[in-house]
Amino acid sequence: MRPNTDPSISKLFNAWLWLLIGLVFATVLVGGLTRLYEAGLSMVDWRPIGGILPPLTGIDWQVEFSRYQAYPQYQKVMQGISLTQFKWLFFWEWFHRIMGRIVGLVALLGALVFGVQRRWSASLVFLGVVMQGIVGWLMVQTGLVDAPSVSPYALMIHLSLATALLLLCVGLLAQSWAPLFCMKRMRYALWGLCSMLGIQIMLGAVVAGLDAGIGYNTFPLMNGQWLPIEEPHPYVMQWIHRFFGVLIGVTSIWVFFQTKGSSSALKRWCLFICVAVGMQIALGIMTLVYLVPTHLASLHQLMGLALIALVFSVAVRLRRV
């Protein structure tokens, strides 16, 4: 059966997608801050239905703090912190989980409402949100065993799923936008750039999970060398992330020069992509040089998501001349 194409339903569907896109960005922002504050392991259990309210009494806080003290992060990293400091850590992880619940609720409502209208893509979005929640908890569990931090590769999967969810919403939304006409080669060029950005986001997650940005904080050389020879692990990941960023910058310029014969609208979008890539590279360099300050690191992560969403939205609208 074909989906309902009533204009009012289509507008409501697009508004729902825009709301989800905004919520995904907000949730990633809160998740990034949670990681930067090393707060992701402050809640040591997962209650998908319960657990909405934080501890409300002094006794409840003491119980929660005692549970946290039984795990490696407190014993090896945070030992001696006060209850007030624990409340600060707990707030960020709790807030991140609340944001995840809000995304899940909005996605569920959309799946129910638009499922009646036979827009089955809404159910796919909801399934993606559920998978993200499960992976998020599995990621937390990797830091509750022996190591006092989550696995950087679990973090990579968690961020990659958030990116995939974002692109799914953007792709559905872009179906209602005007097409962009181009030569065949442009399709390969833009999809290639989009793939490179996806890989770069995964590399960035691994760098963040390994804390590989704290060290070799010079650019373009790494403490006077091209490679982190003195201490390769984990800083070789930083080098790969740097190299791939430069490669993306060069590729974005090459993509712009492939717009010959394309529509003027596509040429403007590709020029905008070049500018955005340059801004993201500059932001990444500042984040590194200034020793990964919270505000720059968060902005760098969000800019990466915005950039891949931009390139993806242009790529899905391409049509051959």
C-alpha atoms as a PDB file:
ATOM      1  CA  MET A   1       0.000   0.000   0.000  1.00  0.00           C
ATOM      2  CA  ARG A   2       1.188   3.487  -0.828  1.00  0.00           C
ATOM      3  CA  PRO A   3       1.660   6.014   1.988  1.00  0.00           C
ATOM      4  CA  ASN A   4      -0.850   8.793   2.527  1.00  0.00           C
ATOM      5  CA  THR A   5       0.196  11.787   0.429  1.00  0.00           C
ATOM      6  CA  ASP A   6      -2.190  14.315   1.977  1.00  0.00           C
ATOM      7  CA  PRO A   7      -0.312  17.690   2.139  1.00  0.00           C
ATOM      8  CA  SER A   8      -1.249  18.293   5.783  1.00  0.00           C
ATOM      9  CA  ILE A   9       0.054  14.851   6.765  1.00  0.00           C
ATOM     10  CA  SER A  10       3.271  15.462   4.816  1.00  0.00           C
ATOM     11  CA  LYS A  11       3.810  18.773   6.623  1.00  0.00           C
ATOM     12  CA  LEU A  12       3.219  17.095   9.979  1.00  0.00           C
ATOM     13  CA  PHE A  13       5.645  14.309   9.040  1.00  0.00           C
ATOM     14  CA  ASN A  14       8.329  16.832   8.057  1.00  0.00           C
ATOM     15  CA  ALA A  15       7.782  18.792  11.282  1.00  0.00           C
ATOM     16  CA  TRP A  16       8.232  15.537  13.221  1.00  0.00           C
ATOM     17  CA  LEU A  17      11.500  14.870  11.383  1.00  0.00           C
ATOM     18  CA  TRP A  18      12.781  18.395  12.124  1.00  0.00           C
ATOM     19  CA  LEU A  19      11.940  17.904  15.803  1.00  0.00           C
ATOM     20  CA  LEU A  20      13.832  14.603  15.864  1.00  0.00           C
ATOM     21  CA  ILE A  21      16.838  16.163  14.128  1.00  0.00           C
ATOM     22  CA  GLY A  22      16.956  18.915  16.754  1.00  0.00           C
ATOM     23  CA  LEU A  23      16.611  16.372  19.563  1.00  0.00           C
ATOM     24  CA  VAL A  24      19.403  14.207  18.133  1.00  0.00           C
ATOM     25  CA  PHE A  25      21.745  17.211  18.049  1.00  0.00           C
ATOM     26  CA  ALA A  26      20.783  18.156  21.609  1.00  0.00           C
ATOM     27  CA  THR A  27      21.255  14.596  22.862  1.00  0.00           C
ATOM     28  CA  VAL A  28      24.665  14.298  21.202  1.00  0.00           C
ATOM     29  CA  LEU A  29      25.647  17.629  22.785  1.00  0.00           C
ATOM     30  CA  VAL A  30      24.653  16.419  26.253  1.00  0.00           C
ATOM     31  CA  GLY A  31      26.330  13.060  25.605  1.00  0.00           C
ATOM     32  CA  GLY A  32      29.553  14.795  24.577  1.00  0.00           C
ATOM     33  CA  LEU A  33      29.534  16.907  27.722  1.00  0.00           C
ATOM     34  CA  THR A  34      28.848  13.785  29.784  1.00  0.00           C
ATOM     35  CA  ARG A  35      31.944  12.166  28.327  1.00  0.00           C
ATOM     36  CA  LEU A  36      34.102  15.274  28.716  1.00  0.00           C
ATOM     37  CA  TYR A  37      33.107  15.546  32.393  1.00  0.00           C
ATOM     38  CA  GLU A  38      33.827  11.795  32.823  1.00  0.00           C
ATOM     39  CA  ALA A  39      30.290  11.389  34.130  1.00  0.00           C
ATOM     40  CA  GLY A  40      29.109   8.518  31.948  1.00  0.00           C
ATOM     41  CA  LEU A  41      29.697   5.835  34.588  1.00  0.00           C
ATOM     42  CA  SER A  42      28.024   7.645  37.479  1.00  0.00           C
ATOM     43  CA  MET A  43      24.772   5.677  36.997  1.00  0.00           C
ATOM     44  CA  VAL A  44      25.634   1.999  37.401  1.00  0.00           C
ATOM     45  CA  ASP A  45      22.313   0.461  36.380  1.00  0.00           C
ATOM     46  CA  TRP A  46      19.824   0.763  33.549  1.00  0.00           C
ATOM     47  CA  ARG A  47      16.104   1.105  34.127  1.00  0.00           C
ATOM     48  CA  PRO A  48      14.514   1.954  30.773  1.00  0.00           C
ATOM     49  CA  ILE A  49      11.025   2.389  32.256  1.00  0.00           C
ATOM     50  CA  GLY A  50      11.854   3.481  35.794  1.00  0.00           C
ATOM     51  CA  GLY A  51      14.744   5.682  36.800  1.00  0.00           C
ATOM     52  CA  ILE A  52      13.219   8.855  35.390  1.00  0.00           C
ATOM     53  CA  LEU A  53      13.516  10.733  38.667  1.00  0.00           C
ATOM     54  CA  PRO A  54      16.949  11.248  40.255  1.00  0.00           C
ATOM     55  CA  PRO A  55      17.486  10.533  43.979  1.00  0.00           C
ATOM     56  CA  LEU A  56      15.272  12.927  45.931  1.00  0.00           C
ATOM     57  CA  THR A  57      16.378  12.553  49.545  1.00  0.00           C
ATOM     58  CA  GLY A  58      19.706  12.629  51.311  1.00  0.00           C
ATOM     59  CA  ILE A  59      19.427   8.923  52.062  1.00  0.00           C
ATOM     60  CA  ASP A  60      18.704   8.137  48.415  1.00  0.00           C
ATOM     61  CA  TRP A  61      21.787  10.096  47.370  1.00  0.00           C
ATOM     62  CA  GLN A  62      23.961   8.262  49.885  1.00  0.00           C
ATOM     63  CA  VAL A  63      22.717   4.910  48.599  1.00  0.00           C
ATOM     64  CA  GLU A  64      23.418   5.907  44.990  1.00  0.00           C
ATOM     65  CA  PHE A  65      26.863   7.225  45.927  1.00  0.00           C
ATOM     66  CA  SER A  66      27.696   3.984  47.778  1.00  0.00           C
ATOM     67  CA  ARG A  67      26.781   1.964  44.710  1.00  0.00           C
ATOM     68  CA  TYR A  68      29.044   4.142  42.544  1.00  0.00           C
ATOM     69  CA  GLN A  69      31.913   3.669  45.007  1.00  0.00           C
ATOM     70  CA  ALA A  70      31.846  -0.083  44.386  1.00  0.00           C
ATOM     71  CA  TYR A  71      32.924   0.324  40.763  1.00  0.00           C
ATOM     72  CA  PRO A  72      36.357   0.864  39.132  1.00  0.00           C
ATOM     73  CA  GLN A  73      35.904   4.491  38.081  1.00  0.00           C
ATOM     74  CA  TYR A  74      35.513   5.677  41.665  1.00  0.00           C
ATOM     75  CA  GLN A  75      38.199   3.348  43.001  1.00  0.00           C
ATOM     76  CA  LYS A  76      40.811   4.193  40.347  1.00  0.00           C
ATOM     77  CA  VAL A  77      39.962   7.702  39.109  1.00  0.00           C
ATOM     78  CA  MET A  78      37.436   9.515  41.289  1.00  0.00           C
ATOM     79  CA  GLN A  79      38.370   8.221  44.718  1.00  0.00           C
ATOM     80  CA  GLY A  80      37.809  10.828  47.415  1.00  0.00           C
ATOM     81  CA  ILE A  81      35.260  12.971  45.581  1.00  0.00           C
ATOM     82  CA  SER A  82      32.528  14.469  47.735  1.00  0.00           C
ATOM     83  CA  LEU A  83      28.811  13.777  47.508  1.00  0.00           C
ATOM     84  CA  THR A  84      28.353  17.221  45.953  1.00  0.00           C
ATOM     85  CA  GLN A  85      30.868  16.374  43.214  1.00  0.00           C
ATOM     86  CA  PHE A  86      29.130  13.048  42.639  1.00  0.00           C
ATOM     87  CA  LYS A  87      25.802  14.847  42.205  1.00  0.00           C
ATOM     88  CA  TRP A  88      27.386  16.935  39.427  1.00  0.00           C
ATOM     89  CA  LEU A  89      28.566  13.782  37.603  1.00  0.00           C
ATOM     90  CA  PHE A  90      25.245  12.045  38.167  1.00  0.00           C
ATOM     91  CA  PHE A  91      23.314  15.000  36.770  1.00  0.00           C
ATOM     92  CA  TRP A  92      24.985  14.821  33.347  1.00  0.00           C
ATOM     93  CA  GLU A  93      24.492  11.081  32.876  1.00  0.00           C
ATOM     94  CA  TRP A  94      20.899  11.354  34.143  1.00  0.00           C
ATOM     95  CA  PHE A  95      20.260  14.286  31.795  1.00  0.00           C
ATOM     96  CA  HIS A  96      21.697  12.338  28.860  1.00  0.00           C
ATOM     97  CA  ARG A  97      19.402   9.403  29.601  1.00  0.00           C
ATOM     98  CA  ILE A  98      16.403  11.690  29.972  1.00  0.00           C
ATOM     99  CA  MET A  99      17.196  13.190  26.551  1.00  0.00           C
ATOM    100  CA  GLY A 100      17.357   9.661  25.143  1.00  0.00           C
ATOM    101  CA  ARG A 101      13.925   8.912  26.620  1.00  0.00           C
ATOM    102  CA  ILE A 102      12.509  12.088  25.072  1.00  0.00           C
ATOM    103  CA  VAL A 103      13.862  11.100  21.659  1.00  0.00           C
ATOM    104  CA  GLY A 104      12.396   7.631  22.144  1.00  0.00           C
ATOM    105  CA  LEU A 105       8.988   9.012  23.126  1.00  0.00           C
ATOM    106  CA  VAL A 106       8.858  11.384  20.152  1.00  0.00           C
ATOM    107  CA  ALA A 107       9.943   8.564  17.819  1.00  0.00           C
ATOM    108  CA  LEU A 108       7.323   6.197  19.279  1.00  0.00           C
ATOM    109  CA  LEU A 109       4.527   8.739  18.876  1.00  0.00           C
ATOM    110  CA  GLY A 110       5.597   9.304  15.280  1.00  0.00           C
ATOM    111  CA  ALA A 111       5.692   5.555  14.581  1.00  0.00           C
ATOM    112  CA  LEU A 112       2.144   5.195  15.937  1.00  0.00           C
ATOM    113  CA  VAL A 113       0.674   8.268  14.224  1.00  0.00           C
ATOM    114  CA  PHE A 114       2.348   7.835  10.858  1.00  0.00           C
ATOM    115  CA  GLY A 115       2.036   4.062  10.918  1.00  0.00           C
ATOM    116  CA  VAL A 116      -1.704   4.602  10.563  1.00  0.00           C
ATOM    117  CA  GLN A 117      -0.877   6.717   7.496  1.00  0.00           C
ATOM    118  CA  ARG A 118       1.289   3.844   6.171  1.00  0.00           C
ATOM    119  CA  ARG A 119       4.537   5.786   6.464  1.00  0.00           C
ATOM    120  CA  TRP A 120       6.565   2.799   7.606  1.00  0.00           C
ATOM    121  CA  SER A 121       9.795   4.808   7.607  1.00  0.00           C
ATOM    122  CA  ALA A 122       8.629   6.285  10.944  1.00  0.00           C
ATOM    123  CA  SER A 123       8.773   2.782  12.441  1.00  0.00           C
ATOM    124  CA  LEU A 124      12.317   2.416  11.109  1.00  0.00           C
ATOM    125  CA  VAL A 125      13.287   5.639  12.891  1.00  0.00           C
ATOM    126  CA  PHE A 126      11.819   4.327  16.155  1.00  0.00           C
ATOM    127  CA  LEU A 127      13.692   1.033  15.743  1.00  0.00           C
ATOM    128  CA  GLY A 128      16.917   3.031  15.310  1.00  0.00           C
ATOM    129  CA  VAL A 129      16.270   4.913  18.550  1.00  0.00           C
ATOM    130  CA  VAL A 130      15.656   1.641  20.440  1.00  0.00           C
ATOM    131  CA  MET A 131      18.887   0.161  19.084  1.00  0.00           C
ATOM    132  CA  GLN A 132      20.765   3.303  20.120  1.00  0.00           C
ATOM    133  CA  GLY A 133      19.475   3.015  23.689  1.00  0.00           C
ATOM    134  CA  ILE A 134      20.536  -0.627  23.940  1.00  0.00           C
ATOM    135  CA  VAL A 135      23.994   0.086  22.515  1.00  0.00           C
ATOM    136  CA  GLY A 136      24.356   3.036  24.910  1.00  0.00           C
ATOM    137  CA  TRP A 137      23.839   0.795  27.918  1.00  0.00           C
ATOM    138  CA  LEU A 138      26.151  -1.898  26.541  1.00  0.00           C
ATOM    139  CA  MET A 139      28.758   0.838  26.126  1.00  0.00           C
ATOM    140  CA  VAL A 140      28.384   1.882  29.772  1.00  0.00           C
ATOM    141  CA  GLN A 141      28.798  -1.725  30.853  1.00  0.00           C
ATOM    142  CA  THR A 142      32.262  -1.862  29.251  1.00  0.00           C
ATOM    143  CA  GLY A 143      33.412   0.610  31.917  1.00  0.00           C
ATOM    144  CA  LEU A 144      31.828  -1.176  34.879  1.00  0.00           C
ATOM    145  CA  VAL A 145      34.056  -4.249  34.850  1.00  0.00           C
ATOM    146  CA  ASP A 146      37.809  -3.649  35.215  1.00  0.00           C
ATOM    147  CA  ALA A 147      38.712  -0.543  33.208  1.00  0.00           C
ATOM    148  CA  PRO A 148      37.530   2.790  34.676  1.00  0.00           C
ATOM    149  CA  SER A 149      36.303   4.077  31.299  1.00  0.00           C
ATOM    150  CA  VAL A 150      34.084   2.901  28.475  1.00  0.00           C
ATOM    151  CA  SER A 151      35.543   1.178  25.444  1.00  0.00           C
ATOM    152  CA  PRO A 152      36.500   3.733  22.764  1.00  0.00           C
ATOM    153  CA  TYR A 153      35.188   1.331  20.128  1.00  0.00           C
ATOM    154  CA  ALA A 154      31.826   1.040  21.894  1.00  0.00           C
ATOM    155  CA  LEU A 155      31.785   4.849  21.962  1.00  0.00           C
ATOM    156  CA  MET A 156      32.467   4.827  18.226  1.00  0.00           C
ATOM    157  CA  ILE A 157      29.498   2.516  17.596  1.00  0.00           C
ATOM    158  CA  HIS A 158      27.266   4.646  19.844  1.00  0.00           C
ATOM    159  CA  LEU A 159      28.121   7.861  17.984  1.00  0.00           C
ATOM    160  CA  SER A 160      27.922   6.113  14.610  1.00  0.00           C
ATOM    161  CA  LEU A 161      24.365   4.975  15.344  1.00  0.00           C
ATOM    162  CA  ALA A 162      23.421   8.510  16.376  1.00  0.00           C
ATOM    163  CA  THR A 163      24.860   9.737  13.080  1.00  0.00           C
ATOM    164  CA  ALA A 164      22.967   7.077  11.128  1.00  0.00           C
ATOM    165  CA  LEU A 165      19.730   8.066  12.893  1.00  0.00           C
ATOM    166  CA  LEU A 166      20.352  11.714  12.032  1.00  0.00           C
ATOM    167  CA  LEU A 167      21.020  10.893   8.375  1.00  0.00           C
ATOM    168  CA  LEU A 168      17.912   8.727   8.179  1.00  0.00           C
ATOM    169  CA  CYS A 169      15.786  11.686   9.319  1.00  0.00           C
ATOM    170  CA  VAL A 170      17.628  14.078   6.987  1.00  0.00           C
ATOM    171  CA  GLY A 171      17.216  11.702   4.040  1.00  0.00           C
ATOM    172  CA  LEU A 172      13.473  11.349   4.626  1.00  0.00           C
ATOM    173  CA  LEU A 173      13.135  15.100   4.953  1.00  0.00           C
ATOM    174  CA  ALA A 174      15.188  15.826   1.824  1.00  0.00           C
ATOM    175  CA  GLN A 175      12.764  13.805  -0.308  1.00  0.00           C
ATOM    176  CA  SER A 176      10.428  16.802  -0.301  1.00  0.00           C
ATOM    177  CA  TRP A 177      13.146  19.291  -1.331  1.00  0.00           C
ATOM    178  CA  ALA A 178      13.940  20.466  -4.850  1.00  0.00           C
ATOM    179  CA  PRO A 179      16.301  18.165  -6.818  1.00  0.00           C
ATOM    180  CA  LEU A 180      19.809  19.269  -7.790  1.00  0.00           C
ATOM    181  CA  PHE A 181      20.923  18.474 -11.326  1.00  0.00           C
ATOM    182  CA  CYS A 182      24.464  17.386 -12.128  1.00  0.00           C
ATOM    183  CA  MET A 183      26.708  15.245 -14.277  1.00  0.00           C
ATOM    184  CA  LYS A 184      27.139  11.589 -13.331  1.00  0.00           C
ATOM    185  CA  ARG A 185      30.604  12.132 -11.856  1.00  0.00           C
ATOM    186  CA  MET A 186      29.202  14.451  -9.187  1.00  0.00           C
ATOM    187  CA  ARG A 187      27.183  11.633  -7.635  1.00  0.00           C
ATOM    188  CA  TYR A 188      30.326   9.593  -7.048  1.00  0.00           C
ATOM    189  CA  ALA A 189      32.236  12.625  -5.792  1.00  0.00           C
ATOM    190  CA  LEU A 190      29.638  13.740  -3.231  1.00  0.00           C
ATOM    191  CA  TRP A 191      28.841  10.257  -1.974  1.00  0.00           C
ATOM    192  CA  GLY A 192      32.563   9.649  -1.627  1.00  0.00           C
ATOM    193  CA  LEU A 193      32.950  12.808   0.447  1.00  0.00           C
ATOM    194  CA  CYS A 194      29.974  11.791   2.588  1.00  0.00           C
ATOM    195  CA  SER A 195      31.555   8.379   3.223  1.00  0.00           C
ATOM    196  CA  MET A 196      34.839  10.014   4.216  1.00  0.00           C
ATOM    197  CA  LEU A 197      33.019  12.236   6.708  1.00  0.00           C
ATOM    198  CA  GLY A 198      31.366   9.179   8.215  1.00  0.00           C
ATOM    199  CA  ILE A 199      34.749   7.505   8.671  1.00  0.00           C
ATOM    200  CA  GLN A 200      36.148  10.708  10.166  1.00  0.00           C
ATOM    201  CA  ILE A 201      33.357  10.850  12.743  1.00  0.00           C
ATOM    202  CA  MET A 202      34.175   7.276  13.765  1.00  0.00           C
ATOM    203  CA  LEU A 203      37.872   8.119  14.007  1.00  0.00           C
ATOM    204  CA  GLY A 204      37.043  11.162  16.121  1.00  0.00           C
ATOM    205  CA  ALA A 205      35.038   8.995  18.519  1.00  0.00           C
ATOM    206  CA  VAL A 206      37.991   6.628  18.963  1.00  0.00           C
ATOM    207  CA  VAL A 207      40.347   9.582  19.528  1.00  0.00           C
ATOM    208  CA  ALA A 208      37.953  10.933  22.169  1.00  0.00           C
ATOM    209  CA  GLY A 209      37.547   7.533  23.821  1.00  0.00           C
ATOM    210  CA  LEU A 210      41.337   7.094  24.044  1.00  0.00           C
ATOM    211  CA  ASP A 211      41.842  10.698  25.255  1.00  0.00           C
ATOM    212  CA  ALA A 212      44.294  10.927  22.361  1.00  0.00           C
ATOM    213  CA  GLY A 213      43.688  14.662  21.967  1.00  0.00           C
ATOM    214  CA  ILE A 214      45.486  15.350  25.242  1.00  0.00           C
ATOM    215  CA  GLY A 215      49.047  15.296  23.982  1.00  0.00           C
ATOM    216  CA  TYR A 216      51.002  16.404  20.922  1.00  0.00           C
ATOM    217  CA  ASN A 217      49.017  19.633  20.980  1.00  0.00           C
ATOM    218  CA  THR A 218      50.770  21.369  18.095  1.00  0.00           C
ATOM    219  CA  PHE A 219      49.861  21.675  14.427  1.00  0.00           C
ATOM    220  CA  PRO A 220      50.836  20.822  11.718  1.00  0.00           C
ATOM    221  CA  LEU A 221      53.797  19.034  13.323  1.00  0.00           C
ATOM    222  CA  MET A 222      53.385  16.838  16.387  1.00  0.00           C
ATOM    223  CA  ASN A 223      55.872  18.316  18.843  1.00  0.00           C
ATOM    224  CA  GLY A 224      58.276  19.026  15.981  1.00  0.00           C
ATOM    225  CA  GLN A 225      57.774  15.671  14.254  1.00  0.00           C
ATOM    226  CA  TRP A 226      55.462  14.445  11.525  1.00  0.00           C
ATOM    227  CA  LEU A 227      54.611  11.284  13.465  1.00  0.00           C
ATOM    228  CA  PRO A 228      54.181  10.652  17.225  1.00  0.00           C
ATOM    229  CA  ILE A 229      57.382   8.598  17.367  1.00  0.00           C
ATOM    230  CA  GLU A 230      58.141   9.092  21.079  1.00  0.00           C
ATOM    231  CA  GLU A 231      54.754   7.788  22.258  1.00  0.00           C
ATOM    232  CA  PRO A 232      52.817   6.225  19.383  1.00  0.00           C
ATOM    233  CA  HIS A 233      49.933   4.804  21.421  1.00  0.00           C
ATOM    234  CA  PRO A 234      47.287   6.229  21.560  1.00  0.00           C
ATOM    235  CA  TYR A 235      48.483   9.264  19.613  1.00  0.00           C
ATOM    236  CA  VAL A 236      48.778   7.434  16.310  1.00  0.00           C
ATOM    237  CA  MET A 237      44.972   7.652  16.252  1.00  0.00           C
ATOM    238  CA  GLN A 238      45.272  11.409  16.581  1.00  0.00           C
ATOM    239  CA  TRP A 239      47.652  11.446  13.614  1.00  0.00           C
ATOM    240  CA  ILE A 240      45.203   9.384  11.520  1.00  0.00           C
ATOM    241  CA  HIS A 241      42.377  11.749  12.474  1.00  0.00           C
ATOM    242  CA  ARG A 242      44.545  14.749  11.489  1.00  0.00           C
ATOM    243  CA  PHE A 243      45.600  13.213   8.178  1.00  0.00           C
ATOM    244  CA  PHE A 244      42.052  12.247   7.266  1.00  0.00           C
ATOM    245  CA  GLY A 245      40.852  15.768   8.089  1.00  0.00           C
ATOM    246  CA  VAL A 246      43.346  17.257   5.641  1.00  0.00           C
ATOM    247  CA  LEU A 247      42.344  14.664   3.040  1.00  0.00           C
ATOM    248  CA  ILE A 248      38.680  15.643   3.472  1.00  0.00           C
ATOM    249  CA  GLY A 249      39.618  19.296   3.021  1.00  0.00           C
ATOM    250  CA  VAL A 250      41.383  18.557  -0.265  1.00  0.00           C
ATOM    251  CA  THR A 251      38.522  16.310  -1.394  1.00  0.00           C
ATOM    252  CA  SER A 252      35.896  19.002  -0.710  1.00  0.00           C
ATOM    253  CA  ILE A 253      37.789  21.414  -2.983  1.00  0.00           C
ATOM    254  CA  TRP A 254      38.079  18.726  -5.652  1.00  0.00           C
ATOM    255  CA  VAL A 255      34.311  18.088  -5.382  1.00  0.00           C
ATOM    256  CA  PHE A 256      33.642  21.775  -5.983  1.00  0.00           C
ATOM    257  CA  PHE A 257      35.704  21.681  -9.177  1.00  0.00           C
ATOM    258  CA  GLN A 258      33.637  18.697 -10.358  1.00  0.00           C
ATOM    259  CA  THR A 259      30.481  20.859 -10.485  1.00  0.00           C
ATOM    260  CA  LYS A 260      31.138  21.882 -14.093  1.00  0.00           C
ATOM    261  CA  GLY A 261      27.936  21.284 -16.035  1.00  0.00           C
ATOM    262  CA  SER A 262      25.844  21.121 -12.866  1.00  0.00           C
ATOM    263  CA  SER A 263      23.039  23.459 -11.810  1.00  0.00           C
ATOM    264  CA  SER A 264      23.966  26.792 -10.254  1.00  0.00           C
ATOM    265  CA  ALA A 265      22.163  25.737  -7.059  1.00  0.00           C
ATOM    266  CA  LEU A 266      24.442  22.695  -6.702  1.00  0.00           C
ATOM    267  CA  LYS A 267      27.525  24.852  -7.293  1.00  0.00           C
ATOM    268  CA  ARG A 268      26.456  27.137  -4.441  1.00  0.00           C
ATOM    269  CA  TRP A 269      25.861  24.186  -2.137  1.00  0.00           C
ATOM    270  CA  CYS A 270      29.286  22.702  -2.940  1.00  0.00           C
ATOM    271  CA  LEU A 271      30.962  26.044  -2.284  1.00  0.00           C
ATOM    272  CA  PHE A 272      29.156  26.184   1.053  1.00  0.00           C
ATOM    273  CA  ILE A 273      30.382  22.654   1.810  1.00  0.00           C
ATOM    274  CA  CYS A 274      33.988  23.746   1.145  1.00  0.00           C
ATOM    275  CA  VAL A 275      33.601  26.664   3.546  1.00  0.00           C
ATOM    276  CA  ALA A 276      32.015  24.417   6.191  1.00  0.00           C
ATOM    277  CA  VAL A 277      34.815  21.854   5.869  1.00  0.00           C
ATOM    278  CA  GLY A 278      37.392  24.629   6.288  1.00  0.00           C
ATOM    279  CA  MET A 279      35.604  25.870   9.414  1.00  0.00           C
ATOM    280  CA  GLN A 280      35.518  22.349  10.865  1.00  0.00           C
ATOM    281  CA  ILE A 281      39.241  21.856  10.217  1.00  0.00           C
ATOM    282  CA  ALA A 282      40.024  25.188  11.893  1.00  0.00           C
ATOM    283  CA  LEU A 283      37.819  24.241  14.830  1.00  0.00           C
ATOM    284  CA  GLY A 284      39.576  20.891  15.154  1.00  0.00           C
ATOM    285  CA  ILE A 285      42.983  22.572  15.184  1.00  0.00           C
ATOM    286  CA  MET A 286      41.867  25.047  17.870  1.00  0.00           C
ATOM    287  CA  THR A 287      40.428  22.196  19.951  1.00  0.00           C
ATOM    288  CA  LEU A 288      43.797  20.429  19.777  1.00  0.00           C
ATOM    289  CA  VAL A 289      46.041  23.447  20.351  1.00  0.00           C
ATOM    290  CA  TYR A 290      44.022  24.696  23.346  1.00  0.00           C
ATOM    291  CA  LEU A 291      44.156  21.249  25.016  1.00  0.00           C
ATOM    292  CA  VAL A 292      40.596  20.130  24.260  1.00  0.00           C
ATOM    293  CA  PRO A 293      38.514  22.720  26.160  1.00  0.00           C
ATOM    294  CA  THR A 294      34.944  21.573  26.748  1.00  0.00           C
ATOM    295  CA  HIS A 295      33.252  24.242  24.649  1.00  0.00           C
ATOM    296  CA  LEU A 296      35.502  23.744  21.605  1.00  0.00           C
ATOM    297  CA  ALA A 297      35.368  19.941  21.795  1.00  0.00           C
ATOM    298  CA  SER A 298      31.551  19.999  21.960  1.00  0.00           C
ATOM    299  CA  LEU A 299      31.311  22.454  19.079  1.00  0.00           C
ATOM    300  CA  HIS A 300      33.728  20.360  17.003  1.00  0.00           C
ATOM    301  CA  GLN A 301      31.561  17.273  17.498  1.00  0.00           C
ATOM    302  CA  LEU A 302      28.323  19.074  16.634  1.00  0.00           C
ATOM    303  CA  MET A 303      29.918  20.709  13.592  1.00  0.00           C
ATOM    304  CA  GLY A 304      30.962  17.271  12.360  1.00  0.00           C
ATOM    305  CA  LEU A 305      27.367  16.054  12.565  1.00  0.00           C
ATOM    306  CA  ALA A 306      26.061  19.185  10.857  1.00  0.00           C
ATOM    307  CA  LEU A 307      28.619  18.807   8.083  1.00  0.00           C
ATOM    308  CA  ILE A 308      27.807  15.200   7.247  1.00  0.00           C
ATOM    309  CA  ALA A 309      24.082  16.026   7.384  1.00  0.00           C
ATOM    310  CA  LEU A 310      24.675  18.869   4.917  1.00  0.00           C
ATOM    311  CA  VAL A 311      26.632  16.736   2.462  1.00  0.00           C
ATOM    312  CA  PHE A 312      24.165  13.864   2.782  1.00  0.00           C
ATOM    313  CA  SER A 313      21.166  16.154   2.167  1.00  0.00           C
ATOM    314  CA  VAL A 314      22.791  17.438  -1.024  1.00  0.00           C
ATOM    315  CA  ALA A 315      23.829  13.969  -2.202  1.00  0.00           C
ATOM    316  CA  VAL A 316      20.337  12.446  -1.872  1.00  0.00           C
ATOM    317  CA  ARG A 317      18.870  15.269  -3.967  1.00  0.00           C
ATOM    318  CA  LEU A 318      21.189  14.757  -6.943  1.00  0.00           C
ATOM    319  CA  ARG A 319      19.642  14.007 -10.306  1.00  0.00           C
ATOM    320  CA  ARG A 320      21.448  13.489 -13.605  1.00  0.00           C
ATOM    321  CA  VAL A 321      21.246  16.280 -16.163  1.00  0.00           C
END
